[in-house]
Protein backbone atom coordinates (compact mmCIF):
# COMPACT_ATOMS: atom_id res chain seq x y z
CA MET A 1 -0.03 0.06 -0.06
CA GLU A 2 1.33 3.14 -0.84
CA LYS A 3 2.13 6.07 1.92
CA ASP A 4 0.27 8.52 0.03
CA CYS A 5 -2.90 6.82 -0.39
CA ILE A 6 -2.72 6.09 3.68
CA TYR A 7 -2.08 9.73 4.04
CA ASN A 8 -4.98 10.94 1.98
CA VAL A 9 -7.39 8.67 3.72
CA LEU A 10 -6.09 9.89 7.18
CA LEU A 11 -6.82 13.36 6.07
CA GLU A 12 -10.26 12.39 4.96
CA ARG A 13 -11.03 10.83 8.24
CA GLY A 14 -9.79 13.67 10.55
CA TYR A 15 -6.25 13.84 10.82
CA ASP A 16 -4.27 17.10 10.63
CA GLU A 17 -1.46 17.54 7.67
CA LYS A 18 1.36 16.70 10.31
CA SER A 19 -0.27 13.83 12.28
CA ALA A 20 -1.58 12.19 9.10
CA ARG A 21 2.42 12.41 7.58
CA LEU A 22 3.76 11.16 10.68
CA VAL A 23 1.09 8.40 11.35
CA ALA A 24 1.25 7.17 7.50
CA THR A 25 4.94 7.01 7.72
CA GLU A 26 4.53 4.63 10.87
CA LEU A 27 1.86 2.36 9.24
CA MET A 28 3.97 1.54 6.82
CA THR A 29 5.92 -0.92 8.98
CA LEU A 30 3.02 -2.80 10.55
CA ASN A 31 3.86 -6.44 10.94
CA LYS A 32 1.34 -9.36 9.38
CA PRO A 33 -1.51 -9.64 9.83
CA LEU A 34 -1.90 -5.92 11.20
CA ASP A 35 -0.76 -4.70 7.67
CA ALA A 36 -3.59 -6.52 6.01
CA TYR A 37 -6.12 -5.02 8.52
CA LEU A 38 -4.93 -1.64 7.84
CA GLU A 39 -5.40 -2.23 3.95
CA LYS A 40 -9.19 -3.27 4.78
CA TRP A 41 -9.51 -0.08 7.06
CA VAL A 42 -8.48 2.07 4.24
CA GLN A 43 -10.70 0.76 1.70
CA LYS A 44 -13.82 1.13 4.16
CA GLU A 45 -13.65 2.81 7.20
CA SER A 46 -16.19 0.71 9.08
CA ASP A 47 -14.24 -2.76 8.41
CA ILE A 48 -12.32 -3.02 11.65
CA SER A 49 -10.66 -6.45 12.33
CA ASP A 50 -9.80 -7.42 16.04
CA TYR A 51 -6.42 -8.86 17.03
CA ASP A 52 -5.06 -9.51 20.63
CA ALA A 53 -1.58 -9.96 21.89
CA TYR A 54 -0.01 -9.64 25.25
CA GLY A 55 -3.39 -9.26 27.20
CA TYR A 56 -4.66 -6.40 24.94
CA SER A 57 -6.67 -6.15 21.63
CA ILE A 58 -7.21 -3.55 19.15
CA LYS A 59 -11.16 -2.89 20.21
CA GLN A 60 -10.06 -3.02 23.88
CA LEU A 61 -7.50 -0.17 23.01
CA MET A 62 -10.09 1.84 20.97
CA GLU A 63 -12.78 1.31 23.66
CA GLU A 64 -10.73 1.80 27.01
CA ARG A 65 -8.13 4.19 25.67
CA ASN A 66 -10.26 6.14 23.21
CA MET A 67 -7.64 5.18 20.37
CA THR A 68 -8.49 5.63 16.77
CA TYR A 69 -8.18 2.46 14.60
CA PRO A 70 -4.60 3.69 13.08
CA ALA A 71 -3.38 4.18 16.69
CA ALA A 72 -4.58 0.75 17.96
CA LEU A 73 -2.71 -0.97 15.23
CA LEU A 74 0.30 0.86 15.68
CA THR A 75 0.05 -0.23 19.42
CA MET A 76 -0.52 -3.62 18.77
CA ASP A 77 2.41 -3.79 16.49
CA TRP A 78 4.44 -2.09 19.11
CA LEU A 79 3.18 -4.77 21.51
CA MET A 80 4.45 -7.61 19.03
CA LYS A 81 7.88 -5.84 18.63
CA GLU A 82 8.78 -4.89 21.87
CA PRO A 83 6.35 -6.58 24.26
CA ASP A 84 8.07 -6.04 27.56
CA ALA A 85 8.58 -2.18 27.07
CA ALA A 86 5.05 -1.89 25.32
CA VAL A 87 3.12 -3.68 28.26
CA ALA A 88 4.90 -1.74 31.04
CA SER A 89 3.99 1.39 29.21
CA LEU A 90 0.51 0.43 28.47
CA LYS A 91 0.38 -0.62 32.64
CA ARG A 92 1.53 3.01 33.37
CA GLY A 93 -1.42 4.47 31.46
CA ILE A 94 0.72 6.05 28.52
CA LYS A 95 -1.63 6.18 25.51
C-alpha cells in the first residue's frame, strides 16, 4: 500500500496534515497480519478487524483508551515488536 494513499485517507478521516504524515509513515512498517487489517480499513472505514496479544486487543485499546483504529494498530504492532516495553508503558497508562 502506498504511503500517499494512507496519508490521504487519514486526512479524509480527520487527521491534520502533520499527524497524517507521521502516522502514515509509521503505518508503513506494520507486521502481519496488522498490515492487512490496515489495508481493509483504508478501503472501508467500518472494516475494523480485532487482534489480541499480550493481554490487549485492538478493540479494547479503542474502547478503553479512546484510540483511533490506526493508533490501536500501531500499539498492537509495538506490542508484537517490543512486548516488555509496550506492556510496561500500557500498564503505566501511557496512551
